[in-house]
């Protein structure tokens, strides 16, 4: 059953990967951090928790929260990996994640690798803040900031809000929405920290 949770969790970490798209045609004269300055490779740490719904009968498939016969469990997750952003606004992240029951118990956490692809929808270089969308996948692979979707399955989509600091060397994010093909995610909380040397 944890395997199903991890597939869905790929979306919880939806916030880890964001693609930065320059929404201003010319940011040379702006104060703050131009979006193009956020291009590069970052270490990424994602953490949070979410409520996952599934059918209360073997093989325990994911179910829309609140649907007849569905139950849910609270889960926590932690992910680390690398996110690469290019100057054209594309990004791809490869993350290793662990998913555990809440409260933690004797069962071991589930561990998996996933990929997230994102794009910024709005950005204010003066404040270094913006919003974007992300799609998470089981399978496929990142090649720098681009994603090879061969063998990949979309497991979740979402949106995030972010703030850049330290002249673009740090980006903090928070998930603002999360959906999956079934509607199996209830409440959630997820944050991301990306650091570039």
N, C-alpha and C. Protein backbone atom coordinates (compact mmCIF):
# COMPACT_ATOMS: atom_id res chain seq x y z
N UNK A 1 0.82 -1.18 0.00
CA UNK A 1 0.00 0.00 0.00
C UNK A 1 0.88 1.25 0.00
N UNK A 2 2.05 1.19 0.64
CA UNK A 2 2.93 2.36 0.65
C UNK A 2 3.42 2.69 -0.75
N UNK A 3 3.50 1.69 -1.63
CA UNK A 3 3.94 1.95 -2.99
C UNK A 3 2.97 2.91 -3.67
N UNK A 4 1.66 2.71 -3.45
CA UNK A 4 0.67 3.62 -4.00
C UNK A 4 0.84 5.01 -3.42
N UNK A 5 1.15 5.08 -2.14
CA UNK A 5 1.34 6.38 -1.49
C UNK A 5 2.50 7.12 -2.13
N UNK A 6 3.57 6.40 -2.42
CA UNK A 6 4.75 7.05 -2.97
C UNK A 6 4.46 7.60 -4.36
N UNK A 7 3.71 6.86 -5.15
CA UNK A 7 3.37 7.35 -6.48
C UNK A 7 2.63 8.67 -6.36
N UNK A 8 1.72 8.74 -5.42
CA UNK A 8 0.99 9.97 -5.23
C UNK A 8 1.87 11.03 -4.61
N UNK A 9 2.77 10.63 -3.73
CA UNK A 9 3.64 11.57 -3.07
C UNK A 9 4.51 12.31 -4.07
N UNK A 10 4.75 11.67 -5.19
CA UNK A 10 5.55 12.34 -6.20
C UNK A 10 4.97 13.71 -6.50
N UNK A 11 3.67 13.83 -6.38
CA UNK A 11 3.05 15.13 -6.58
C UNK A 11 3.21 16.03 -5.40
N UNK A 12 3.28 15.47 -4.19
CA UNK A 12 3.44 16.32 -3.02
C UNK A 12 4.73 17.08 -3.11
N UNK A 13 5.64 16.48 -3.59
CA UNK A 13 6.89 17.18 -3.73
C UNK A 13 6.90 18.00 -4.98
N UNK A 14 5.72 18.04 -5.55
CA UNK A 14 5.52 18.84 -6.73
C UNK A 14 6.25 20.14 -6.69
N UNK A 15 6.38 20.68 -5.46
CA UNK A 15 6.99 21.99 -5.37
C UNK A 15 8.47 21.96 -5.59
N UNK A 16 9.16 20.81 -5.44
CA UNK A 16 10.60 20.77 -5.54
C UNK A 16 11.06 21.20 -6.89
N UNK A 17 10.33 20.84 -7.96
CA UNK A 17 10.81 21.17 -9.27
C UNK A 17 10.00 22.29 -9.83
N UNK A 18 10.62 23.35 -10.15
CA UNK A 18 9.93 24.44 -10.80
C UNK A 18 10.73 24.82 -12.01
N UNK A 19 10.06 25.21 -13.05
CA UNK A 19 10.75 25.70 -14.23
C UNK A 19 10.62 27.20 -14.24
N UNK A 20 11.72 27.85 -14.48
CA UNK A 20 11.68 29.29 -14.48
C UNK A 20 11.59 29.80 -15.92
N UNK A 21 10.49 30.49 -16.21
CA UNK A 21 10.27 31.07 -17.52
C UNK A 21 10.32 32.57 -17.38
N UNK A 22 11.10 33.21 -18.20
CA UNK A 22 11.22 34.66 -18.10
C UNK A 22 9.94 35.29 -18.60
N UNK A 23 9.13 35.79 -17.67
CA UNK A 23 7.84 36.37 -18.03
C UNK A 23 7.97 37.84 -18.39
N UNK A 24 9.11 38.42 -18.14
CA UNK A 24 9.36 39.80 -18.57
C UNK A 24 10.31 39.75 -19.76
N UNK A 25 9.97 40.44 -20.84
CA UNK A 25 10.78 40.37 -22.04
C UNK A 25 12.17 40.95 -21.83
N UNK A 26 12.31 41.99 -21.02
CA UNK A 26 13.61 42.62 -20.79
C UNK A 26 13.73 42.96 -19.32
N UNK A 27 14.58 42.19 -18.60
CA UNK A 27 14.72 42.45 -17.17
C UNK A 27 16.08 43.06 -16.83
N UNK A 28 16.79 43.56 -17.82
CA UNK A 28 18.12 44.10 -17.59
C UNK A 28 18.11 45.27 -16.61
N UNK A 29 17.09 46.14 -16.69
CA UNK A 29 17.10 47.33 -15.87
C UNK A 29 16.38 47.20 -14.54
N UNK A 30 15.90 46.03 -14.18
CA UNK A 30 15.12 45.88 -12.96
C UNK A 30 16.02 45.77 -11.74
N UNK A 31 15.48 46.19 -10.61
CA UNK A 31 16.14 45.98 -9.33
C UNK A 31 15.76 44.58 -8.85
N UNK A 32 16.55 44.01 -8.00
CA UNK A 32 16.21 42.70 -7.46
C UNK A 32 16.93 41.58 -8.19
N UNK A 33 16.21 40.48 -8.43
CA UNK A 33 16.79 39.28 -9.03
C UNK A 33 16.05 38.95 -10.33
N UNK A 34 16.66 39.22 -11.48
CA UNK A 34 16.02 38.83 -12.74
C UNK A 34 15.82 37.32 -12.79
N UNK A 35 14.76 36.89 -13.39
CA UNK A 35 14.44 35.46 -13.46
C UNK A 35 15.55 34.65 -14.11
N UNK A 36 16.19 35.19 -15.12
CA UNK A 36 17.26 34.46 -15.82
C UNK A 36 18.43 34.15 -14.89
N UNK A 37 18.58 34.94 -13.81
CA UNK A 37 19.66 34.71 -12.85
C UNK A 37 19.43 33.45 -12.01
N UNK A 38 18.23 32.89 -12.08
CA UNK A 38 17.92 31.68 -11.31
C UNK A 38 18.28 30.41 -12.07
N UNK A 39 18.78 30.55 -13.30
CA UNK A 39 19.21 29.37 -14.06
C UNK A 39 20.42 28.75 -13.38
N UNK A 40 20.45 27.42 -13.32
CA UNK A 40 21.57 26.71 -12.70
C UNK A 40 21.10 25.42 -12.06
N UNK A 41 22.01 24.77 -11.35
CA UNK A 41 21.72 23.51 -10.68
C UNK A 41 21.71 23.74 -9.18
N UNK A 42 20.68 23.23 -8.53
CA UNK A 42 20.46 23.43 -7.10
C UNK A 42 20.35 22.08 -6.39
N UNK A 43 20.83 22.03 -5.15
CA UNK A 43 20.46 20.89 -4.30
C UNK A 43 19.06 21.21 -3.79
N UNK A 44 18.23 20.18 -3.65
CA UNK A 44 16.83 20.39 -3.26
C UNK A 44 16.46 19.50 -2.09
N UNK A 45 15.79 20.08 -1.12
CA UNK A 45 15.23 19.34 0.02
C UNK A 45 13.75 19.67 0.10
N UNK A 46 12.93 18.62 0.13
CA UNK A 46 11.48 18.77 0.19
C UNK A 46 10.98 18.02 1.41
N UNK A 47 10.06 18.63 2.14
CA UNK A 47 9.49 17.92 3.28
C UNK A 47 8.05 18.35 3.49
N UNK A 48 7.30 17.47 4.11
CA UNK A 48 5.91 17.80 4.39
C UNK A 48 5.10 16.59 4.78
N UNK A 49 3.79 16.75 4.70
CA UNK A 49 2.86 15.67 5.03
C UNK A 49 1.61 15.83 4.18
N UNK A 50 0.85 14.76 4.07
CA UNK A 50 -0.40 14.80 3.32
C UNK A 50 -1.31 13.67 3.76
N UNK A 51 -2.58 13.80 3.40
CA UNK A 51 -3.59 12.80 3.73
C UNK A 51 -3.94 12.08 2.44
N UNK A 52 -3.81 10.75 2.42
CA UNK A 52 -4.02 9.95 1.22
C UNK A 52 -5.22 9.03 1.40
N UNK A 53 -6.11 9.01 0.41
CA UNK A 53 -7.33 8.19 0.47
C UNK A 53 -7.21 6.98 -0.45
N UNK A 54 -7.78 5.86 -0.01
CA UNK A 54 -7.76 4.63 -0.79
C UNK A 54 -8.97 3.78 -0.42
N UNK A 55 -9.24 2.77 -1.25
CA UNK A 55 -10.34 1.84 -1.00
C UNK A 55 -9.92 0.92 0.15
N UNK A 56 -10.82 0.71 1.09
CA UNK A 56 -10.51 -0.10 2.27
C UNK A 56 -10.73 -1.59 2.00
N UNK A 57 -10.10 -2.07 0.93
CA UNK A 57 -10.17 -3.50 0.58
C UNK A 57 -9.00 -3.80 -0.36
N UNK A 58 -8.43 -5.01 -0.25
CA UNK A 58 -7.32 -5.38 -1.13
C UNK A 58 -7.72 -5.22 -2.59
N UNK A 59 -6.86 -4.75 -3.44
CA UNK A 59 -5.45 -4.42 -3.22
C UNK A 59 -5.23 -2.97 -2.77
N UNK A 60 -6.22 -2.33 -2.15
CA UNK A 60 -6.14 -0.98 -1.60
C UNK A 60 -5.77 0.07 -2.64
N UNK A 61 -6.53 0.15 -3.76
CA UNK A 61 -6.22 1.17 -4.77
C UNK A 61 -6.55 2.57 -4.24
N UNK A 62 -5.92 3.56 -4.82
CA UNK A 62 -6.24 4.94 -4.47
C UNK A 62 -7.69 5.22 -4.79
N UNK A 63 -8.31 6.09 -4.00
CA UNK A 63 -9.72 6.44 -4.19
C UNK A 63 -9.91 7.93 -3.96
N UNK A 64 -10.94 8.48 -4.57
CA UNK A 64 -11.28 9.88 -4.34
C UNK A 64 -11.65 10.05 -2.88
N UNK A 65 -11.04 11.04 -2.25
CA UNK A 65 -11.35 11.28 -0.84
C UNK A 65 -12.83 11.58 -0.67
N UNK A 66 -13.45 10.92 0.30
CA UNK A 66 -14.87 11.11 0.58
C UNK A 66 -15.79 10.21 -0.21
N UNK A 67 -15.24 9.41 -1.14
CA UNK A 67 -16.09 8.51 -1.91
C UNK A 67 -16.50 7.32 -1.04
N UNK A 68 -17.63 6.67 -1.35
CA UNK A 68 -18.09 5.52 -0.56
C UNK A 68 -17.02 4.44 -0.48
N UNK A 69 -16.78 3.93 0.72
CA UNK A 69 -15.81 2.85 0.93
C UNK A 69 -14.37 3.32 1.03
N UNK A 70 -14.14 4.63 0.94
CA UNK A 70 -12.76 5.11 1.03
C UNK A 70 -12.39 5.44 2.47
N UNK A 71 -11.12 5.25 2.76
CA UNK A 71 -10.55 5.66 4.04
C UNK A 71 -9.26 6.40 3.73
N UNK A 72 -8.64 6.98 4.73
CA UNK A 72 -7.42 7.71 4.48
C UNK A 72 -6.44 7.60 5.62
N UNK A 73 -5.20 7.92 5.32
CA UNK A 73 -4.14 7.89 6.32
C UNK A 73 -3.26 9.12 6.15
N UNK A 74 -2.73 9.65 7.27
CA UNK A 74 -1.77 10.73 7.18
C UNK A 74 -0.37 10.17 6.95
N UNK A 75 0.38 10.81 6.07
CA UNK A 75 1.72 10.38 5.72
C UNK A 75 2.68 11.57 5.79
N UNK A 76 3.94 11.29 6.10
CA UNK A 76 4.97 12.32 6.02
C UNK A 76 5.96 11.91 4.94
N UNK A 77 6.66 12.90 4.39
CA UNK A 77 7.66 12.58 3.37
C UNK A 77 8.86 13.51 3.50
N UNK A 78 9.99 13.00 3.02
CA UNK A 78 11.23 13.77 2.96
C UNK A 78 11.92 13.39 1.66
N UNK A 79 12.39 14.39 0.93
CA UNK A 79 13.04 14.14 -0.36
C UNK A 79 14.31 14.98 -0.46
N UNK A 80 15.31 14.42 -1.11
CA UNK A 80 16.53 15.16 -1.45
C UNK A 80 16.90 14.83 -2.89
N UNK A 81 17.52 15.79 -3.56
CA UNK A 81 17.92 15.56 -4.93
C UNK A 81 18.47 16.81 -5.56
N UNK A 82 18.40 16.85 -6.88
CA UNK A 82 18.96 17.94 -7.67
C UNK A 82 17.90 18.47 -8.63
N UNK A 83 17.81 19.80 -8.70
CA UNK A 83 16.91 20.47 -9.64
C UNK A 83 17.75 21.37 -10.55
N UNK A 84 17.54 21.26 -11.85
CA UNK A 84 18.28 22.09 -12.81
C UNK A 84 17.32 22.98 -13.57
N UNK A 85 17.63 24.28 -13.61
CA UNK A 85 16.82 25.29 -14.29
C UNK A 85 17.64 25.88 -15.42
N UNK A 86 17.02 26.14 -16.57
CA UNK A 86 17.75 26.79 -17.65
C UNK A 86 17.25 28.22 -17.83
N UNK A 87 17.96 28.99 -18.64
CA UNK A 87 17.63 30.40 -18.86
C UNK A 87 16.33 30.59 -19.62
N UNK A 88 15.86 29.56 -20.31
CA UNK A 88 14.61 29.65 -21.06
C UNK A 88 13.39 29.31 -20.20
N UNK A 89 13.61 28.94 -18.95
CA UNK A 89 12.47 28.70 -18.07
C UNK A 89 12.06 27.26 -17.91
N UNK A 90 12.88 26.31 -18.33
CA UNK A 90 12.57 24.90 -18.14
C UNK A 90 13.32 24.37 -16.92
N UNK A 91 12.72 23.41 -16.23
CA UNK A 91 13.39 22.83 -15.07
C UNK A 91 12.99 21.37 -14.93
N UNK A 92 13.90 20.60 -14.36
CA UNK A 92 13.63 19.19 -14.07
C UNK A 92 14.37 18.83 -12.79
N UNK A 93 13.70 18.07 -11.93
CA UNK A 93 14.30 17.63 -10.67
C UNK A 93 14.22 16.12 -10.56
N UNK A 94 15.28 15.52 -10.06
CA UNK A 94 15.30 14.10 -9.73
C UNK A 94 15.48 14.00 -8.23
N UNK A 95 14.55 13.31 -7.57
CA UNK A 95 14.51 13.27 -6.11
C UNK A 95 14.38 11.86 -5.60
N UNK A 96 15.10 11.57 -4.52
CA UNK A 96 14.90 10.31 -3.79
C UNK A 96 14.06 10.65 -2.57
N UNK A 97 12.98 9.89 -2.38
CA UNK A 97 12.04 10.21 -1.31
C UNK A 97 11.80 9.03 -0.39
N UNK A 98 11.47 9.38 0.85
CA UNK A 98 10.99 8.38 1.81
C UNK A 98 9.60 8.82 2.26
N UNK A 99 8.72 7.85 2.40
CA UNK A 99 7.34 8.10 2.82
C UNK A 99 7.07 7.24 4.04
N UNK A 100 6.55 7.87 5.10
CA UNK A 100 6.29 7.14 6.34
C UNK A 100 4.89 7.44 6.85
N UNK A 101 4.31 6.44 7.57
CA UNK A 101 3.02 6.64 8.22
C UNK A 101 3.15 7.69 9.31
N UNK A 102 2.04 8.35 9.62
CA UNK A 102 1.97 9.24 10.78
C UNK A 102 0.86 8.74 11.70
N UNK A 103 1.10 8.53 12.96
CA UNK A 103 2.44 8.62 13.54
C UNK A 103 3.31 7.46 13.04
N UNK A 104 4.62 7.65 13.11
CA UNK A 104 5.51 6.60 12.64
C UNK A 104 5.28 5.34 13.47
N UNK A 105 5.50 4.19 12.84
CA UNK A 105 5.25 2.91 13.50
C UNK A 105 6.35 1.92 13.15
N UNK A 106 6.10 0.64 13.33
CA UNK A 106 7.14 -0.37 13.10
C UNK A 106 7.37 -0.67 11.63
N UNK A 107 6.45 -0.28 10.74
CA UNK A 107 6.65 -0.56 9.32
C UNK A 107 7.73 0.36 8.76
N UNK A 108 8.58 -0.17 7.87
CA UNK A 108 9.64 0.67 7.30
C UNK A 108 9.05 1.68 6.31
N UNK A 109 9.74 2.80 6.09
CA UNK A 109 9.25 3.76 5.11
C UNK A 109 9.43 3.21 3.70
N UNK A 110 8.68 3.74 2.78
CA UNK A 110 8.85 3.38 1.38
C UNK A 110 9.84 4.37 0.77
N UNK A 111 10.76 3.87 -0.07
CA UNK A 111 11.78 4.71 -0.70
C UNK A 111 11.64 4.59 -2.22
N UNK A 112 11.68 5.71 -2.93
CA UNK A 112 11.55 5.70 -4.38
C UNK A 112 12.25 6.91 -4.98
N UNK A 113 12.46 6.87 -6.30
CA UNK A 113 13.00 7.99 -7.05
C UNK A 113 11.90 8.49 -7.97
N UNK A 114 11.77 9.80 -8.08
CA UNK A 114 10.77 10.38 -8.97
C UNK A 114 11.33 11.62 -9.64
N UNK A 115 10.58 12.16 -10.61
CA UNK A 115 10.99 13.33 -11.37
C UNK A 115 9.86 14.35 -11.40
N UNK A 116 10.21 15.61 -11.30
CA UNK A 116 9.23 16.69 -11.39
C UNK A 116 9.68 17.71 -12.41
N UNK A 117 8.72 18.21 -13.18
CA UNK A 117 8.99 19.19 -14.24
C UNK A 117 8.09 20.39 -13.98
N UNK A 118 8.68 21.59 -13.96
CA UNK A 118 7.88 22.76 -13.62
C UNK A 118 8.12 23.95 -14.52
N UNK A 119 7.27 24.95 -14.32
CA UNK A 119 7.35 26.19 -15.10
C UNK A 119 6.76 27.32 -14.28
N UNK A 120 7.42 28.48 -14.33
CA UNK A 120 6.92 29.65 -13.64
C UNK A 120 5.84 30.31 -14.48
N UNK A 121 4.74 30.71 -13.84
CA UNK A 121 3.65 31.39 -14.55
C UNK A 121 3.68 32.89 -14.33
N UNK A 122 4.24 33.35 -13.21
CA UNK A 122 4.39 34.79 -12.96
C UNK A 122 5.60 35.00 -12.05
N UNK A 123 6.25 36.16 -12.23
CA UNK A 123 7.44 36.45 -11.43
C UNK A 123 7.64 37.95 -11.32
N UNK A 124 7.99 38.41 -10.13
CA UNK A 124 8.29 39.82 -9.88
C UNK A 124 9.77 39.91 -9.50
N UNK A 125 10.64 40.37 -10.41
CA UNK A 125 12.07 40.41 -10.11
C UNK A 125 12.41 41.39 -8.99
N UNK A 126 11.57 42.37 -8.75
CA UNK A 126 11.83 43.34 -7.69
C UNK A 126 11.79 42.67 -6.32
N UNK A 127 10.80 41.79 -6.11
CA UNK A 127 10.67 41.09 -4.83
C UNK A 127 11.27 39.69 -4.87
N UNK A 128 11.54 39.17 -6.06
CA UNK A 128 12.07 37.81 -6.19
C UNK A 128 11.03 36.74 -5.90
N UNK A 129 9.76 37.08 -6.06
CA UNK A 129 8.69 36.12 -5.76
C UNK A 129 7.88 35.79 -7.01
N UNK A 130 7.28 34.61 -7.00
CA UNK A 130 6.47 34.22 -8.15
C UNK A 130 5.66 32.98 -7.87
N UNK A 131 4.98 32.53 -8.90
CA UNK A 131 4.12 31.35 -8.84
C UNK A 131 4.40 30.48 -10.06
N UNK A 132 4.10 29.19 -9.93
CA UNK A 132 4.33 28.29 -11.05
C UNK A 132 3.51 27.03 -10.93
N UNK A 133 3.69 26.16 -11.91
CA UNK A 133 3.00 24.87 -11.93
C UNK A 133 4.02 23.76 -12.10
N UNK A 134 3.65 22.55 -11.69
CA UNK A 134 4.57 21.42 -11.74
C UNK A 134 3.81 20.15 -12.06
N UNK A 135 4.47 19.24 -12.77
CA UNK A 135 3.94 17.91 -13.04
C UNK A 135 4.98 16.91 -12.57
N UNK A 136 4.54 15.92 -11.80
CA UNK A 136 5.45 14.89 -11.29
C UNK A 136 5.20 13.57 -12.01
N UNK A 137 6.27 12.80 -12.17
CA UNK A 137 6.22 11.57 -12.96
C UNK A 137 6.84 10.39 -12.22
N UNK A 138 6.29 9.22 -12.48
CA UNK A 138 6.94 7.96 -12.16
C UNK A 138 7.57 7.52 -13.46
N UNK A 139 8.86 7.25 -13.45
CA UNK A 139 9.57 6.88 -14.68
C UNK A 139 10.06 8.11 -15.43
N UNK A 140 10.69 7.86 -16.58
CA UNK A 140 11.30 8.94 -17.33
C UNK A 140 12.63 9.31 -16.71
N UNK A 141 13.23 10.40 -17.21
CA UNK A 141 14.49 10.85 -16.62
C UNK A 141 14.78 12.29 -17.01
N UNK A 142 15.49 12.98 -16.11
CA UNK A 142 15.92 14.35 -16.37
C UNK A 142 17.24 14.33 -17.11
N UNK A 143 17.38 15.22 -18.07
CA UNK A 143 18.65 15.50 -18.75
C UNK A 143 18.87 16.98 -18.57
N UNK A 144 19.55 17.35 -17.50
CA UNK A 144 19.66 18.76 -17.17
C UNK A 144 18.28 19.30 -16.85
N UNK A 145 17.89 20.36 -17.53
CA UNK A 145 16.59 20.97 -17.26
C UNK A 145 15.46 20.42 -18.12
N UNK A 146 15.77 19.47 -19.01
CA UNK A 146 14.73 18.89 -19.85
C UNK A 146 14.36 17.50 -19.35
N UNK A 147 13.15 17.06 -19.71
CA UNK A 147 12.64 15.77 -19.24
C UNK A 147 12.39 14.86 -20.41
N UNK A 148 12.92 13.64 -20.34
CA UNK A 148 12.65 12.59 -21.31
C UNK A 148 11.51 11.76 -20.73
N UNK A 149 10.34 11.86 -21.33
CA UNK A 149 9.14 11.21 -20.79
C UNK A 149 8.98 9.75 -21.22
N UNK A 150 9.99 9.18 -21.87
CA UNK A 150 9.90 7.78 -22.29
C UNK A 150 9.64 6.89 -21.07
N UNK A 151 8.56 6.15 -21.10
CA UNK A 151 8.20 5.26 -20.00
C UNK A 151 7.65 5.95 -18.77
N UNK A 152 7.37 7.25 -18.85
CA UNK A 152 6.91 8.00 -17.68
C UNK A 152 5.38 8.04 -17.61
N UNK A 153 4.87 8.10 -16.39
CA UNK A 153 3.44 8.23 -16.12
C UNK A 153 3.22 9.43 -15.23
N UNK A 154 2.30 10.30 -15.61
CA UNK A 154 1.97 11.45 -14.77
C UNK A 154 1.27 10.95 -13.52
N UNK A 155 1.78 11.35 -12.35
CA UNK A 155 1.14 10.93 -11.10
C UNK A 155 0.48 12.08 -10.37
N UNK A 156 0.90 13.31 -10.65
CA UNK A 156 0.26 14.44 -9.98
C UNK A 156 0.62 15.75 -10.68
N UNK A 157 -0.21 16.74 -10.42
CA UNK A 157 0.06 18.10 -10.88
C UNK A 157 -0.22 19.04 -9.72
N UNK A 158 0.36 20.22 -9.79
CA UNK A 158 0.12 21.17 -8.70
C UNK A 158 0.65 22.53 -9.03
N UNK A 159 0.53 23.42 -8.05
CA UNK A 159 1.04 24.77 -8.18
C UNK A 159 1.87 25.10 -6.93
N UNK A 160 2.69 26.14 -7.04
CA UNK A 160 3.55 26.53 -5.94
C UNK A 160 3.78 28.04 -5.96
N UNK A 161 4.17 28.58 -4.82
CA UNK A 161 4.61 29.97 -4.69
C UNK A 161 6.07 29.91 -4.24
N UNK A 162 6.90 30.82 -4.75
CA UNK A 162 8.33 30.76 -4.39
C UNK A 162 8.89 32.14 -4.15
N UNK A 163 10.02 32.15 -3.43
CA UNK A 163 10.76 33.38 -3.16
C UNK A 163 12.24 33.10 -3.33
N UNK A 164 12.91 33.91 -4.16
CA UNK A 164 14.35 33.78 -4.38
C UNK A 164 15.08 34.77 -3.46
N UNK A 165 16.27 34.37 -3.00
CA UNK A 165 17.06 35.24 -2.14
C UNK A 165 18.55 34.98 -2.38
N UNK A 166 19.40 35.70 -1.66
CA UNK A 166 20.85 35.54 -1.75
C UNK A 166 21.33 35.62 -3.19
N UNK A 167 20.87 36.67 -3.89
CA UNK A 167 21.23 36.91 -5.30
C UNK A 167 20.91 35.72 -6.19
N UNK A 168 19.85 35.00 -5.88
CA UNK A 168 19.41 33.88 -6.70
C UNK A 168 20.03 32.56 -6.33
N UNK A 169 20.79 32.51 -5.25
CA UNK A 169 21.42 31.25 -4.85
C UNK A 169 20.52 30.40 -3.96
N UNK A 170 19.41 30.96 -3.50
CA UNK A 170 18.48 30.20 -2.67
C UNK A 170 17.06 30.47 -3.18
N UNK A 171 16.27 29.39 -3.25
CA UNK A 171 14.86 29.50 -3.61
C UNK A 171 14.06 28.67 -2.61
N UNK A 172 13.08 29.30 -1.97
CA UNK A 172 12.17 28.62 -1.05
C UNK A 172 10.79 28.57 -1.69
N UNK A 173 10.11 27.44 -1.53
CA UNK A 173 8.83 27.23 -2.17
C UNK A 173 7.83 26.60 -1.21
N UNK A 174 6.55 26.80 -1.50
CA UNK A 174 5.49 26.15 -0.76
C UNK A 174 4.43 25.70 -1.76
N UNK A 175 3.90 24.50 -1.57
CA UNK A 175 2.85 23.99 -2.44
C UNK A 175 1.55 24.73 -2.16
N UNK A 176 0.87 25.16 -3.23
CA UNK A 176 -0.41 25.85 -3.08
C UNK A 176 -1.59 25.03 -3.58
N UNK A 177 -1.33 24.00 -4.39
CA UNK A 177 -2.38 23.06 -4.79
C UNK A 177 -1.73 21.75 -5.18
N UNK A 178 -2.51 20.67 -5.08
CA UNK A 178 -2.03 19.34 -5.43
C UNK A 178 -3.20 18.48 -5.86
N UNK A 179 -3.10 17.90 -7.04
CA UNK A 179 -4.14 17.00 -7.53
C UNK A 179 -3.47 15.77 -8.13
N UNK A 180 -4.24 14.68 -8.18
CA UNK A 180 -3.78 13.47 -8.85
C UNK A 180 -4.93 12.98 -9.72
N UNK A 181 -4.70 12.01 -10.60
CA UNK A 181 -5.76 11.57 -11.51
C UNK A 181 -7.01 11.05 -10.81
N UNK A 182 -6.90 10.59 -9.56
CA UNK A 182 -8.03 9.98 -8.85
C UNK A 182 -8.71 10.96 -7.89
N UNK A 183 -8.00 11.94 -7.41
CA UNK A 183 -8.52 12.82 -6.36
C UNK A 183 -8.26 12.25 -4.99
N UNK A 184 -7.16 11.49 -4.85
CA UNK A 184 -6.86 10.77 -3.62
C UNK A 184 -6.11 11.58 -2.57
N UNK A 185 -5.76 12.83 -2.90
CA UNK A 185 -5.05 13.66 -1.92
C UNK A 185 -6.06 14.56 -1.22
N UNK A 186 -6.02 14.51 0.10
CA UNK A 186 -6.84 15.43 0.89
C UNK A 186 -5.99 16.63 1.25
N UNK A 187 -5.87 16.86 2.54
CA UNK A 187 -5.07 17.97 3.05
C UNK A 187 -3.58 17.70 2.78
N UNK A 188 -2.79 18.78 2.64
CA UNK A 188 -1.35 18.62 2.41
C UNK A 188 -0.60 19.85 2.91
N UNK A 189 0.67 19.65 3.16
CA UNK A 189 1.59 20.74 3.49
C UNK A 189 2.96 20.32 2.99
N UNK A 190 3.58 21.14 2.12
CA UNK A 190 4.88 20.78 1.58
C UNK A 190 5.70 22.03 1.33
N UNK A 191 6.99 21.97 1.69
CA UNK A 191 7.89 23.09 1.44
C UNK A 191 9.18 22.58 0.82
N UNK A 192 9.85 23.46 0.10
CA UNK A 192 11.07 23.12 -0.63
C UNK A 192 12.13 24.18 -0.36
N UNK A 193 13.36 23.75 -0.22
CA UNK A 193 14.50 24.66 -0.19
C UNK A 193 15.49 24.21 -1.25
N UNK A 194 15.84 25.12 -2.14
CA UNK A 194 16.85 24.84 -3.18
C UNK A 194 18.04 25.76 -2.95
N UNK A 195 19.24 25.19 -2.96
CA UNK A 195 20.47 25.95 -2.72
C UNK A 195 21.45 25.74 -3.87
N UNK A 196 22.02 26.82 -4.37
CA UNK A 196 23.02 26.75 -5.43
C UNK A 196 24.34 27.30 -4.90
N UNK A 197 25.42 26.61 -5.21
CA UNK A 197 26.75 27.09 -4.78
C UNK A 197 27.27 28.13 -5.73
